Amino acid sequence: MTDENNLLPNPDAIAGRLLDFQSRLRERLSSALLAQSEALCEVAVNHASDGDTIYRIDVQSEELLFEFCEEWGAEAPFTLVAEGVPGNGHRTFPANANPASARFFLIVDPIDGTREIMYDKRSAWSLAGVAPNLGTDTTMADIEIAVMTELPTTRSLYTDAFWAVRGAGAKGIRRNLVTGAVVPVTPRPSQSPTVAHGFASITKFFPGTKVPAAQMEENLFYSLFGDLGDTNPLAFDDQYISTGGQLYELLVGHDRFIADLRPLFIEGKPLLCCHPYDLCTELIAREAGIIITNEYGEPVRAPLDIREPVAWVGYANPAIHDEIRPTLKRLLTPYLP
C-alpha cells in the first residue's frame, strides 16, 4: 500500500521503468569496463560542471540517459534534473514542452561512484528519484519514488537493486550476472543498539575537509567510548566514495552510522561535497527504517538542484540515533549559524 498523500499515479510502473533504464546502463558500463579502456578515466574537458568533475565514463552514461528521457517524454512531459544537463541542470522533455506543464521532476545521478568504478575498484550506483512537480518549492522531501541499482566491477557475480514508493516500504532484488537469475532481497539495517564493534564514520573522501572531519570523528568516539589509546578499536572506518554506496551499506547492515558533513567544513571554498542528486534515493533508506537527517537533525529538504551542497547523517536505527545524536549535536554547534 502506498502513502495516501502521494501525488504520482502508477508509482510501481515508474519504478519499473527506472529499474529497466538502470539495468541497461549497467550492461553498457560492464561492456566498457571489460574493454579495459583507459579513456574512461579521462576528464571530459568539453563537459564542464559546477557539481563534480565529468569523466568520459560519465559522458557515455549521460548519452543513454538522454535517450531514455526522450522516449519517456514522448508519453508525458517531465523535467530532468542532472549534472550533465547544460545550463542550470534542468531540462524538460519533450523539447517543446513548457516546464510549467511537467508532471514530475526526475532527479538522476547515472553513475554515483565514478572514481572507483572507472578503475574497476568498487561498485558504483545508478540513482534516481521522482517527485511531483510542485514548482520552485519542490524539494528532496517531496520525492515519492526512488530507485538505485548497483553498477558492479568486472569481478562481481551479483548485482543488487533497491527501490521504494513512499509509504510502501523498501524492496530489493539480487541478480546473478552469469545465469541471469533474480531473487528478492530484503533490506536489513543493523539492529545493534550501539556502534561499538561496528562500522561508523564521518565522510572524509577528499583533501580539503579531511582534517576537521577526522577531528570531529575522534571527538565523537572519545565521547562515546572514552580514552581509546589503551584499547582495541571499537568503531571501524570505511570510506565508500559514493553516497549511493554509503546508503547501501546502511541498508544491508554493514554500516551503523554515517555522517557526510563536508558543506560545514568547506568555508566557502569550491570543494566537492554531496549534492541532491547524490542523495536522491535516501527515501529507500527511510522506508527501510533508517533515520536520515540533515545537520540539524531534521528531514533533508534541499531543493532539486545540481549545485546545492547537502550535509546528511544516517543512523541505522533509533537506538543508534539516541546513542550518537546528543554528542554529534554538541560537536556541530561551532559549525552551525
C-alpha atoms as a PDB file:
ATOM      1  CA  MET A   1       0.000   0.000   0.000  1.00  0.00           C
ATOM      2  CA  THR A   2       1.304   3.457  -0.863  1.00  0.00           C
ATOM      3  CA  ASP A   3       1.048   6.683   1.087  1.00  0.00           C
ATOM      4  CA  GLU A   4      -2.380   8.248   0.517  1.00  0.00           C
ATOM      5  CA  ASN A   5      -0.690  11.626   0.154  1.00  0.00           C
ATOM      6  CA  ASN A   6       1.390  10.532  -2.848  1.00  0.00           C
ATOM      7  CA  LEU A   7       0.602  12.595  -5.936  1.00  0.00           C
ATOM      8  CA  LEU A   8       2.195  10.454  -8.644  1.00  0.00           C
ATOM      9  CA  PRO A   9      -0.007   7.881 -10.431  1.00  0.00           C
ATOM     10  CA  ASN A  10       1.218   4.335 -11.120  1.00  0.00           C
ATOM     11  CA  PRO A  11       4.323   4.567  -8.900  1.00  0.00           C
ATOM     12  CA  ASP A  12       5.201   0.893  -9.376  1.00  0.00           C
ATOM     13  CA  ALA A  13       5.252   1.363 -13.154  1.00  0.00           C
ATOM     14  CA  ILE A  14       7.537   4.374 -12.771  1.00  0.00           C
ATOM     15  CA  ALA A  15       9.881   2.396 -10.509  1.00  0.00           C
ATOM     16  CA  GLY A  16       9.925  -0.442 -13.017  1.00  0.00           C
ATOM     17  CA  ARG A  17      10.778   1.911 -15.830  1.00  0.00           C
ATOM     18  CA  LEU A  18      13.702   3.356 -13.899  1.00  0.00           C
ATOM     19  CA  LEU A  19      14.942  -0.105 -12.948  1.00  0.00           C
ATOM     20  CA  ASP A  20      14.933  -1.018 -16.632  1.00  0.00           C
ATOM     21  CA  PHE A  21      16.952   2.089 -17.521  1.00  0.00           C
ATOM     22  CA  GLN A  22      19.492   1.390 -14.796  1.00  0.00           C
ATOM     23  CA  SER A  23      19.787  -2.213 -15.953  1.00  0.00           C
ATOM     24  CA  ARG A  24      20.567  -1.029 -19.477  1.00  0.00           C
ATOM     25  CA  LEU A  25      23.133   1.389 -18.093  1.00  0.00           C
ATOM     26  CA  ARG A  26      24.728  -1.391 -16.050  1.00  0.00           C
ATOM     27  CA  GLU A  27      25.095  -3.579 -19.128  1.00  0.00           C
ATOM     28  CA  ARG A  28      26.629  -0.790 -21.199  1.00  0.00           C
ATOM     29  CA  LEU A  29      29.054   0.122 -18.437  1.00  0.00           C
ATOM     30  CA  SER A  30      30.063  -3.514 -17.952  1.00  0.00           C
ATOM     31  CA  SER A  31      30.936  -3.781 -21.636  1.00  0.00           C
ATOM     32  CA  ALA A  32      33.062  -0.640 -21.415  1.00  0.00           C
ATOM     33  CA  LEU A  33      34.903  -1.910 -18.340  1.00  0.00           C
ATOM     34  CA  LEU A  34      35.591  -5.273 -19.954  1.00  0.00           C
ATOM     35  CA  ALA A  35      37.199  -3.432 -22.868  1.00  0.00           C
ATOM     36  CA  GLN A  36      39.681  -2.047 -20.301  1.00  0.00           C
ATOM     37  CA  SER A  37      39.822   1.338 -21.956  1.00  0.00           C
ATOM     38  CA  GLU A  38      41.867   3.958 -20.091  1.00  0.00           C
ATOM     39  CA  ALA A  39      39.852   6.577 -21.966  1.00  0.00           C
ATOM     40  CA  LEU A  40      37.056   6.058 -19.430  1.00  0.00           C
ATOM     41  CA  CYS A  41      39.259   7.753 -16.811  1.00  0.00           C
ATOM     42  CA  GLU A  42      39.964  10.876 -18.879  1.00  0.00           C
ATOM     43  CA  VAL A  43      38.422  14.181 -17.869  1.00  0.00           C
ATOM     44  CA  ALA A  44      35.801  15.277 -20.416  1.00  0.00           C
ATOM     45  CA  VAL A  45      37.120  18.798 -20.966  1.00  0.00           C
ATOM     46  CA  ASN A  46      34.118  19.845 -23.058  1.00  0.00           C
ATOM     47  CA  HIS A  47      31.641  18.866 -20.360  1.00  0.00           C
ATOM     48  CA  ALA A  48      32.230  21.341 -17.531  1.00  0.00           C
ATOM     49  CA  SER A  49      30.136  21.097 -14.378  1.00  0.00           C
ATOM     50  CA  ASP A  50      29.708  23.152 -11.249  1.00  0.00           C
ATOM     51  CA  GLY A  51      28.959  19.999  -9.278  1.00  0.00           C
ATOM     52  CA  ASP A  52      31.700  17.439  -9.938  1.00  0.00           C
ATOM     53  CA  THR A  53      34.400  16.576 -12.446  1.00  0.00           C
ATOM     54  CA  ILE A  54      32.931  14.919 -15.533  1.00  0.00           C
ATOM     55  CA  TYR A  55      34.887  11.926 -16.817  1.00  0.00           C
ATOM     56  CA  ARG A  56      34.381  10.212 -20.152  1.00  0.00           C
ATOM     57  CA  ILE A  57      32.692   7.317 -18.406  1.00  0.00           C
ATOM     58  CA  ASP A  58      30.071   9.837 -17.205  1.00  0.00           C
ATOM     59  CA  VAL A  59      29.525  11.216 -20.707  1.00  0.00           C
ATOM     60  CA  GLN A  60      28.627   7.765 -22.020  1.00  0.00           C
ATOM     61  CA  SER A  61      26.050   7.306 -19.278  1.00  0.00           C
ATOM     62  CA  GLU A  62      24.536  10.731 -19.952  1.00  0.00           C
ATOM     63  CA  GLU A  63      24.013   9.852 -23.613  1.00  0.00           C
ATOM     64  CA  LEU A  64      21.959   6.819 -22.595  1.00  0.00           C
ATOM     65  CA  LEU A  65      20.061   8.904 -20.032  1.00  0.00           C
ATOM     66  CA  PHE A  66      19.026  11.479 -22.608  1.00  0.00           C
ATOM     67  CA  GLU A  67      17.858   8.731 -24.996  1.00  0.00           C
ATOM     68  CA  PHE A  68      15.758   7.263 -22.189  1.00  0.00           C
ATOM     69  CA  CYS A  69      14.270  10.672 -21.354  1.00  0.00           C
ATOM     70  CA  GLU A  70      13.381  11.341 -24.984  1.00  0.00           C
ATOM     71  CA  GLU A  71      11.421   8.067 -25.062  1.00  0.00           C
ATOM     72  CA  TRP A  72       9.623   8.796 -21.789  1.00  0.00           C
ATOM     73  CA  GLY A  73       8.994  12.433 -22.619  1.00  0.00           C
ATOM     74  CA  ALA A  74       7.039  11.402 -25.697  1.00  0.00           C
ATOM     75  CA  GLU A  75       4.424   9.940 -23.316  1.00  0.00           C
ATOM     76  CA  ALA A  76       4.350  12.539 -20.532  1.00  0.00           C
ATOM     77  CA  PRO A  77       6.164  15.854 -20.042  1.00  0.00           C
ATOM     78  CA  PHE A  78       8.645  15.944 -17.155  1.00  0.00           C
ATOM     79  CA  THR A  79      11.756  17.826 -16.064  1.00  0.00           C
ATOM     80  CA  LEU A  80      15.095  16.078 -15.713  1.00  0.00           C
ATOM     81  CA  VAL A  81      17.494  17.320 -13.037  1.00  0.00           C
ATOM     82  CA  ALA A  82      21.004  16.012 -13.657  1.00  0.00           C
ATOM     83  CA  GLU A  83      24.579  17.177 -13.532  1.00  0.00           C
ATOM     84  CA  GLY A  84      25.259  16.645 -17.230  1.00  0.00           C
ATOM     85  CA  VAL A  85      22.436  18.937 -18.368  1.00  0.00           C
ATOM     86  CA  PRO A  86      23.848  22.211 -19.775  1.00  0.00           C
ATOM     87  CA  GLY A  87      22.950  25.427 -18.004  1.00  0.00           C
ATOM     88  CA  ASN A  88      21.182  25.107 -14.680  1.00  0.00           C
ATOM     89  CA  GLY A  89      20.919  21.309 -14.729  1.00  0.00           C
ATOM     90  CA  HIS A  90      17.193  21.286 -15.632  1.00  0.00           C
ATOM     91  CA  ARG A  91      15.830  20.073 -18.968  1.00  0.00           C
ATOM     92  CA  THR A  92      12.199  19.439 -19.826  1.00  0.00           C
ATOM     93  CA  PHE A  93      11.161  16.577 -22.108  1.00  0.00           C
ATOM     94  CA  PRO A  94       9.861  16.654 -24.777  1.00  0.00           C
ATOM     95  CA  ALA A  95      11.959  19.551 -26.019  1.00  0.00           C
ATOM     96  CA  ASN A  96       8.987  21.755 -26.912  1.00  0.00           C
ATOM     97  CA  ALA A  97       7.207  21.284 -23.576  1.00  0.00           C
ATOM     98  CA  ASN A  98       6.625  24.191 -21.215  1.00  0.00           C
ATOM     99  CA  PRO A  99       8.397  23.452 -17.891  1.00  0.00           C
ATOM    100  CA  ALA A 100       5.215  24.501 -16.073  1.00  0.00           C
ATOM    101  CA  SER A 101       3.416  21.567 -17.742  1.00  0.00           C
ATOM    102  CA  ALA A 102       5.897  18.977 -16.434  1.00  0.00           C
ATOM    103  CA  ARG A 103       4.085  16.326 -14.421  1.00  0.00           C
ATOM    104  CA  PHE A 104       7.082  15.468 -12.296  1.00  0.00           C
ATOM    105  CA  PHE A 105      10.774  16.022 -11.637  1.00  0.00           C
ATOM    106  CA  LEU A 106      13.220  13.193 -12.308  1.00  0.00           C
ATOM    107  CA  ILE A 107      16.499  13.731 -10.465  1.00  0.00           C
ATOM    108  CA  VAL A 108      19.266  11.376 -11.565  1.00  0.00           C
ATOM    109  CA  ASP A 109      22.886  10.537 -10.938  1.00  0.00           C
ATOM    110  CA  PRO A 110      23.602   7.958 -13.665  1.00  0.00           C
ATOM    111  CA  ILE A 111      26.899   6.911 -12.054  1.00  0.00           C
ATOM    112  CA  ASP A 112      27.481   7.725  -8.399  1.00  0.00           C
ATOM    113  CA  GLY A 113      30.946   6.463  -7.536  1.00  0.00           C
ATOM    114  CA  THR A 114      32.654   7.234 -10.841  1.00  0.00           C
ATOM    115  CA  ARG A 115      36.151   7.336  -9.400  1.00  0.00           C
ATOM    116  CA  GLU A 116      36.075   3.792  -8.047  1.00  0.00           C
ATOM    117  CA  ILE A 117      34.214   2.082 -10.876  1.00  0.00           C
ATOM    118  CA  MET A 118      36.270   3.667 -13.662  1.00  0.00           C
ATOM    119  CA  TYR A 119      39.311   1.948 -12.155  1.00  0.00           C
ATOM    120  CA  ASP A 120      37.287  -1.248 -11.577  1.00  0.00           C
ATOM    121  CA  LYS A 121      37.928  -0.996  -7.822  1.00  0.00           C
ATOM    122  CA  ARG A 122      34.441  -0.995  -6.291  1.00  0.00           C
ATOM    123  CA  SER A 123      30.819  -0.881  -7.402  1.00  0.00           C
ATOM    124  CA  ALA A 124      29.217   2.425  -8.317  1.00  0.00           C
ATOM    125  CA  TRP A 125      25.453   3.063  -8.114  1.00  0.00           C
ATOM    126  CA  SER A 126      22.902   4.497 -10.501  1.00  0.00           C
ATOM    127  CA  LEU A 127      20.438   6.701  -8.615  1.00  0.00           C
ATOM    128  CA  ALA A 128      17.042   8.182  -9.480  1.00  0.00           C
ATOM    129  CA  GLY A 129      14.276   9.929  -7.578  1.00  0.00           C
ATOM    130  CA  VAL A 130      10.879  11.163  -8.780  1.00  0.00           C
ATOM    131  CA  ALA A 131       8.893  13.977  -7.191  1.00  0.00           C
ATOM    132  CA  PRO A 132       5.609  15.564  -8.302  1.00  0.00           C
ATOM    133  CA  ASN A 133       6.017  18.994  -9.869  1.00  0.00           C
ATOM    134  CA  LEU A 134       5.279  21.403  -7.023  1.00  0.00           C
ATOM    135  CA  GLY A 135       7.030  24.256  -8.783  1.00  0.00           C
ATOM    136  CA  THR A 136      10.019  26.017  -7.273  1.00  0.00           C
ATOM    137  CA  ASP A 137       9.021  24.726  -3.833  1.00  0.00           C
ATOM    138  CA  THR A 138       9.774  21.108  -4.782  1.00  0.00           C
ATOM    139  CA  THR A 139      12.473  19.604  -2.546  1.00  0.00           C
ATOM    140  CA  MET A 140      14.081  16.260  -1.809  1.00  0.00           C
ATOM    141  CA  ALA A 141      11.449  15.704   0.870  1.00  0.00           C
ATOM    142  CA  ASP A 142       8.828  15.545  -1.909  1.00  0.00           C
ATOM    143  CA  ILE A 143      10.421  12.551  -3.647  1.00  0.00           C
ATOM    144  CA  GLU A 144       7.834   9.760  -3.763  1.00  0.00           C
ATOM    145  CA  ILE A 145       9.719   7.126  -5.776  1.00  0.00           C
ATOM    146  CA  ALA A 146      13.402   6.218  -5.560  1.00  0.00           C
ATOM    147  CA  VAL A 147      15.429   3.559  -7.368  1.00  0.00           C
ATOM    148  CA  MET A 148      19.092   2.570  -7.069  1.00  0.00           C
ATOM    149  CA  THR A 149      20.972  -0.123  -8.967  1.00  0.00           C
ATOM    150  CA  GLU A 150      24.465  -1.423  -8.367  1.00  0.00           C
ATOM    151  CA  LEU A 151      26.982  -0.932 -11.191  1.00  0.00           C
ATOM    152  CA  PRO A 152      29.399  -3.760 -10.370  1.00  0.00           C
ATOM    153  CA  THR A 153      33.047  -4.321 -11.134  1.00  0.00           C
ATOM    154  CA  THR A 154      34.079  -6.897 -13.725  1.00  0.00           C
ATOM    155  CA  ARG A 155      34.912  -9.331 -10.891  1.00  0.00           C
ATOM    156  CA  SER A 156      31.385  -9.366  -9.490  1.00  0.00           C
ATOM    157  CA  LEU A 157      28.998 -12.319  -9.659  1.00  0.00           C
ATOM    158  CA  TYR A 158      25.937 -10.472  -8.325  1.00  0.00           C
ATOM    159  CA  THR A 159      24.377  -7.040  -8.593  1.00  0.00           C
ATOM    160  CA  ASP A 160      21.730  -5.584  -6.287  1.00  0.00           C
ATOM    161  CA  ALA A 161      18.938  -3.089  -6.862  1.00  0.00           C
ATOM    162  CA  PHE A 162      16.624  -1.397  -4.359  1.00  0.00           C
ATOM    163  CA  TRP A 163      13.584   0.804  -4.724  1.00  0.00           C
ATOM    164  CA  ALA A 164      10.841   2.387  -2.662  1.00  0.00           C
ATOM    165  CA  VAL A 165       7.498   4.107  -3.085  1.00  0.00           C
ATOM    166  CA  ARG A 166       6.767   6.434  -0.196  1.00  0.00           C
ATOM    167  CA  GLY A 167       4.658   4.660   2.403  1.00  0.00           C
ATOM    168  CA  ALA A 168       5.118   1.202   0.850  1.00  0.00           C
ATOM    169  CA  GLY A 169       8.447   0.138   2.317  1.00  0.00           C
ATOM    170  CA  ALA A 170      11.734  -0.704   0.617  1.00  0.00           C
ATOM    171  CA  LYS A 171      12.210  -3.644  -1.749  1.00  0.00           C
ATOM    172  CA  GLY A 172      15.209  -5.195  -3.450  1.00  0.00           C
ATOM    173  CA  ILE A 173      16.436  -7.828  -5.876  1.00  0.00           C
ATOM    174  CA  ARG A 174      19.741  -9.592  -6.497  1.00  0.00           C
ATOM    175  CA  ARG A 175      20.718 -10.672  -9.999  1.00  0.00           C
ATOM    176  CA  ASN A 176      23.217 -13.382 -10.867  1.00  0.00           C
ATOM    177  CA  LEU A 177      25.287 -11.853 -13.673  1.00  0.00           C
ATOM    178  CA  VAL A 178      26.162 -15.269 -15.131  1.00  0.00           C
ATOM    179  CA  THR A 179      22.808 -17.061 -15.099  1.00  0.00           C
ATOM    180  CA  GLY A 180      20.500 -14.027 -15.064  1.00  0.00           C
ATOM    181  CA  ALA A 181      18.567 -15.498 -12.129  1.00  0.00           C
ATOM    182  CA  VAL A 182      16.866 -12.887  -9.924  1.00  0.00           C
ATOM    183  CA  VAL A 183      15.901 -13.350  -6.266  1.00  0.00           C
ATOM    184  CA  PRO A 184      14.286 -10.897  -3.836  1.00  0.00           C
ATOM    185  CA  VAL A 185      16.475  -9.147  -1.269  1.00  0.00           C
ATOM    186  CA  THR A 186      15.016  -7.603   1.868  1.00  0.00           C
ATOM    187  CA  PRO A 187      16.879  -4.576   3.281  1.00  0.00           C
ATOM    188  CA  ARG A 188      18.174  -5.418   6.747  1.00  0.00           C
ATOM    189  CA  PRO A 189      19.700  -2.416   8.534  1.00  0.00           C
ATOM    190  CA  SER A 190      21.679  -3.199  11.645  1.00  0.00           C
ATOM    191  CA  GLN A 191      19.578  -3.607  14.784  1.00  0.00           C
ATOM    192  CA  SER A 192      22.539  -3.255  17.117  1.00  0.00           C
ATOM    193  CA  PRO A 193      21.865  -0.692  19.866  1.00  0.00           C
ATOM    194  CA  THR A 194      25.410   0.675  19.614  1.00  0.00           C
ATOM    195  CA  VAL A 195      28.086   1.451  17.045  1.00  0.00           C
ATOM    196  CA  ALA A 196      30.650  -0.364  19.215  1.00  0.00           C
ATOM    197  CA  HIS A 197      32.386  -3.113  17.209  1.00  0.00           C
ATOM    198  CA  GLY A 198      30.737  -1.917  14.006  1.00  0.00           C
ATOM    199  CA  PHE A 199      31.425   0.384  11.068  1.00  0.00           C
ATOM    200  CA  ALA A 200      30.717   4.056  11.766  1.00  0.00           C
ATOM    201  CA  SER A 201      32.357   7.038  10.115  1.00  0.00           C
ATOM    202  CA  ILE A 202      32.326  10.676   9.118  1.00  0.00           C
ATOM    203  CA  THR A 203      32.961  11.257   5.413  1.00  0.00           C
ATOM    204  CA  LYS A 204      36.453  12.428   4.501  1.00  0.00           C
ATOM    205  CA  PHE A 205      36.831  11.423   0.874  1.00  0.00           C
ATOM    206  CA  PHE A 206      38.978  14.235  -0.474  1.00  0.00           C
ATOM    207  CA  PRO A 207      41.646  16.720   0.615  1.00  0.00           C
ATOM    208  CA  GLY A 208      40.271  19.971   1.966  1.00  0.00           C
ATOM    209  CA  THR A 209      37.866  18.579   4.572  1.00  0.00           C
ATOM    210  CA  LYS A 210      39.816  15.617   5.939  1.00  0.00           C
ATOM    211  CA  VAL A 211      41.276  17.340   8.995  1.00  0.00           C
ATOM    212  CA  PRO A 212      38.052  18.763  10.512  1.00  0.00           C
ATOM    213  CA  ALA A 213      36.111  15.594   9.646  1.00  0.00           C
ATOM    214  CA  ALA A 214      38.730  13.349  11.249  1.00  0.00           C
ATOM    215  CA  GLN A 215      38.935  15.557  14.329  1.00  0.00           C
ATOM    216  CA  MET A 216      35.167  15.502  14.758  1.00  0.00           C
ATOM    217  CA  GLU A 217      35.187  11.736  14.352  1.00  0.00           C
ATOM    218  CA  GLU A 218      37.897  11.404  17.013  1.00  0.00           C
ATOM    219  CA  ASN A 219      35.964  13.644  19.396  1.00  0.00           C
ATOM    220  CA  LEU A 220      32.739  11.747  18.771  1.00  0.00           C
ATOM    221  CA  PHE A 221      34.199   8.354  19.544  1.00  0.00           C
ATOM    222  CA  TYR A 222      36.147   9.677  22.526  1.00  0.00           C
ATOM    223  CA  SER A 223      32.855  10.951  23.945  1.00  0.00           C
ATOM    224  CA  LEU A 224      31.184   7.601  23.304  1.00  0.00           C
ATOM    225  CA  PHE A 225      33.945   5.240  24.405  1.00  0.00           C
ATOM    226  CA  GLY A 226      36.408   7.268  26.488  1.00  0.00           C
ATOM    227  CA  ASP A 227      40.195   7.178  26.047  1.00  0.00           C
ATOM    228  CA  LEU A 228      40.875   4.927  23.056  1.00  0.00           C
ATOM    229  CA  GLY A 229      44.631   4.856  23.445  1.00  0.00           C
ATOM    230  CA  ASP A 230      44.782   1.686  25.522  1.00  0.00           C
ATOM    231  CA  THR A 231      42.045  -0.380  23.886  1.00  0.00           C
ATOM    232  CA  ASN A 232      41.411  -2.226  20.666  1.00  0.00           C
ATOM    233  CA  PRO A 233      39.342  -0.255  18.102  1.00  0.00           C
ATOM    234  CA  LEU A 234      35.653  -0.064  18.957  1.00  0.00           C
ATOM    235  CA  ALA A 235      34.490   1.543  15.690  1.00  0.00           C
ATOM    236  CA  PHE A 236      35.710   0.925  12.161  1.00  0.00           C
ATOM    237  CA  ASP A 237      36.002   3.345   9.255  1.00  0.00           C
ATOM    238  CA  ASP A 238      35.068   2.701   5.624  1.00  0.00           C
ATOM    239  CA  GLN A 239      35.247   5.481   3.042  1.00  0.00           C
ATOM    240  CA  TYR A 240      32.985   4.309   0.185  1.00  0.00           C
ATOM    241  CA  ILE A 241      33.322   7.125  -2.362  1.00  0.00           C
ATOM    242  CA  SER A 242      29.667   7.004  -3.366  1.00  0.00           C
ATOM    243  CA  THR A 243      26.685   8.364  -1.455  1.00  0.00           C
ATOM    244  CA  GLY A 244      24.553   5.629  -3.000  1.00  0.00           C
ATOM    245  CA  GLY A 245      27.140   3.115  -1.838  1.00  0.00           C
ATOM    246  CA  GLN A 246      27.004   4.562   1.677  1.00  0.00           C
ATOM    247  CA  LEU A 247      23.222   4.210   1.722  1.00  0.00           C
ATOM    248  CA  TYR A 248      23.617   0.624   0.524  1.00  0.00           C
ATOM    249  CA  GLU A 249      25.978  -0.165   3.398  1.00  0.00           C
ATOM    250  CA  LEU A 250      23.339   1.114   5.820  1.00  0.00           C
ATOM    251  CA  LEU A 251      20.568  -0.787   4.020  1.00  0.00           C
ATOM    252  CA  VAL A 252      22.244  -4.186   4.247  1.00  0.00           C
ATOM    253  CA  GLY A 253      23.554  -3.770   7.790  1.00  0.00           C
ATOM    254  CA  HIS A 254      27.237  -3.303   7.008  1.00  0.00           C
ATOM    255  CA  ASP A 255      27.420   0.228   8.474  1.00  0.00           C
ATOM    256  CA  ARG A 256      25.640   1.575  11.549  1.00  0.00           C
ATOM    257  CA  PHE A 257      26.330   5.300  11.302  1.00  0.00           C
ATOM    258  CA  ILE A 258      27.498   7.630   8.517  1.00  0.00           C
ATOM    259  CA  ALA A 259      27.704  11.418   8.510  1.00  0.00           C
ATOM    260  CA  ASP A 260      28.646  13.471   5.456  1.00  0.00           C
ATOM    261  CA  LEU A 261      29.231  16.973   6.800  1.00  0.00           C
ATOM    262  CA  ARG A 262      31.524  18.366   4.123  1.00  0.00           C
ATOM    263  CA  PRO A 263      29.417  21.504   3.445  1.00  0.00           C
ATOM    264  CA  LEU A 264      30.061  22.586   7.050  1.00  0.00           C
ATOM    265  CA  PHE A 265      33.822  22.287   6.652  1.00  0.00           C
ATOM    266  CA  ILE A 266      34.481  23.954   3.289  1.00  0.00           C
ATOM    267  CA  GLU A 267      34.065  27.598   4.448  1.00  0.00           C
ATOM    268  CA  GLY A 268      33.009  28.817   1.029  1.00  0.00           C
ATOM    269  CA  LYS A 269      35.810  27.043  -0.818  1.00  0.00           C
ATOM    270  CA  PRO A 270      34.866  25.314  -4.108  1.00  0.00           C
ATOM    271  CA  LEU A 271      35.442  21.819  -2.765  1.00  0.00           C
ATOM    272  CA  LEU A 272      33.441  18.791  -3.788  1.00  0.00           C
ATOM    273  CA  CYS A 273      30.593  17.834  -1.477  1.00  0.00           C
ATOM    274  CA  CYS A 274      27.312  15.963  -1.641  1.00  0.00           C
ATOM    275  CA  HIS A 275      24.520  17.370  -3.839  1.00  0.00           C
ATOM    276  CA  PRO A 276      20.812  16.477  -4.099  1.00  0.00           C
ATOM    277  CA  TYR A 277      21.380  14.074  -6.999  1.00  0.00           C
ATOM    278  CA  ASP A 278      23.846  12.111  -4.816  1.00  0.00           C
ATOM    279  CA  LEU A 279      21.260  11.677  -2.052  1.00  0.00           C
ATOM    280  CA  CYS A 280      18.121  11.371  -4.206  1.00  0.00           C
ATOM    281  CA  THR A 281      17.492   7.770  -3.060  1.00  0.00           C
ATOM    282  CA  GLU A 282      17.533   8.421   0.689  1.00  0.00           C
ATOM    283  CA  LEU A 283      13.787   7.618   0.641  1.00  0.00           C
ATOM    284  CA  ILE A 284      14.749   3.941   0.255  1.00  0.00           C
ATOM    285  CA  ALA A 285      16.782   4.072   3.445  1.00  0.00           C
ATOM    286  CA  ARG A 286      13.987   5.797   5.365  1.00  0.00           C
ATOM    287  CA  GLU A 287      11.418   3.289   4.111  1.00  0.00           C
ATOM    288  CA  ALA A 288      13.718   0.539   5.444  1.00  0.00           C
ATOM    289  CA  GLY A 289      13.692   2.105   8.920  1.00  0.00           C
ATOM    290  CA  ILE A 290      16.972   4.017   8.735  1.00  0.00           C
ATOM    291  CA  ILE A 291      16.952   7.544  10.149  1.00  0.00           C
ATOM    292  CA  ILE A 292      18.260  10.121   7.673  1.00  0.00           C
ATOM    293  CA  THR A 293      18.558  13.771   8.726  1.00  0.00           C
ATOM    294  CA  ASN A 294      20.350  16.959   7.848  1.00  0.00           C
ATOM    295  CA  GLU A 295      22.930  18.571  10.131  1.00  0.00           C
ATOM    296  CA  TYR A 296      20.138  19.985  12.330  1.00  0.00           C
ATOM    297  CA  GLY A 297      18.548  16.608  12.928  1.00  0.00           C
ATOM    298  CA  GLU A 298      15.668  17.459  10.587  1.00  0.00           C
ATOM    299  CA  PRO A 299      14.476  15.885   7.299  1.00  0.00           C
ATOM    300  CA  VAL A 300      16.604  16.726   4.273  1.00  0.00           C
ATOM    301  CA  ARG A 301      14.697  19.386   2.327  1.00  0.00           C
ATOM    302  CA  ALA A 302      17.283  20.585  -0.178  1.00  0.00           C
ATOM    303  CA  PRO A 303      15.890  21.901  -3.485  1.00  0.00           C
ATOM    304  CA  LEU A 304      16.129  19.721  -6.574  1.00  0.00           C
ATOM    305  CA  ASP A 305      19.257  21.436  -7.830  1.00  0.00           C
ATOM    306  CA  ILE A 306      22.684  20.355  -9.089  1.00  0.00           C
ATOM    307  CA  ARG A 307      24.704  22.869  -7.074  1.00  0.00           C
ATOM    308  CA  GLU A 308      23.107  22.869  -3.623  1.00  0.00           C
ATOM    309  CA  PRO A 309      25.536  21.475  -1.002  1.00  0.00           C
ATOM    310  CA  VAL A 310      23.926  18.851   1.198  1.00  0.00           C
ATOM    311  CA  ALA A 311      25.009  17.587   4.616  1.00  0.00           C
ATOM    312  CA  TRP A 312      23.365  14.420   5.860  1.00  0.00           C
ATOM    313  CA  VAL A 313      23.536  11.926   8.704  1.00  0.00           C
ATOM    314  CA  GLY A 314      22.391   8.303   8.644  1.00  0.00           C
ATOM    315  CA  TYR A 315      21.614   6.204  11.730  1.00  0.00           C
ATOM    316  CA  ALA A 316      20.842   2.516  11.220  1.00  0.00           C
ATOM    317  CA  ASN A 317      18.102   2.513  13.866  1.00  0.00           C
ATOM    318  CA  PRO A 318      16.564   4.638  16.649  1.00  0.00           C
ATOM    319  CA  ALA A 319      18.866   3.244  19.354  1.00  0.00           C
ATOM    320  CA  ILE A 320      21.977   4.321  17.469  1.00  0.00           C
ATOM    321  CA  HIS A 321      20.369   7.703  16.795  1.00  0.00           C
ATOM    322  CA  ASP A 322      19.829   8.131  20.541  1.00  0.00           C
ATOM    323  CA  GLU A 323      23.390   6.995  21.254  1.00  0.00           C
ATOM    324  CA  ILE A 324      25.078   9.426  18.865  1.00  0.00           C
ATOM    325  CA  ARG A 325      22.804  12.405  18.215  1.00  0.00           C
ATOM    326  CA  PRO A 326      23.295  14.281  21.517  1.00  0.00           C
ATOM    327  CA  THR A 327      27.092  14.223  21.206  1.00  0.00           C
ATOM    328  CA  LEU A 328      27.055  14.979  17.499  1.00  0.00           C
ATOM    329  CA  LYS A 329      24.722  17.919  18.093  1.00  0.00           C
ATOM    330  CA  ARG A 330      27.180  19.368  20.599  1.00  0.00           C
ATOM    331  CA  LEU A 331      30.150  18.877  18.271  1.00  0.00           C
ATOM    332  CA  LEU A 332      28.281  20.529  15.390  1.00  0.00           C
ATOM    333  CA  THR A 333      27.393  23.672  17.338  1.00  0.00           C
ATOM    334  CA  PRO A 334      30.507  25.691  16.280  1.00  0.00           C
ATOM    335  CA  TYR A 335      29.759  24.960  12.616  1.00  0.00           C
ATOM    336  CA  LEU A 336      26.087  25.989  12.628  1.00  0.00           C
ATOM    337  CA  PRO A 337      24.697  29.528  12.440  1.00  0.00           C
END
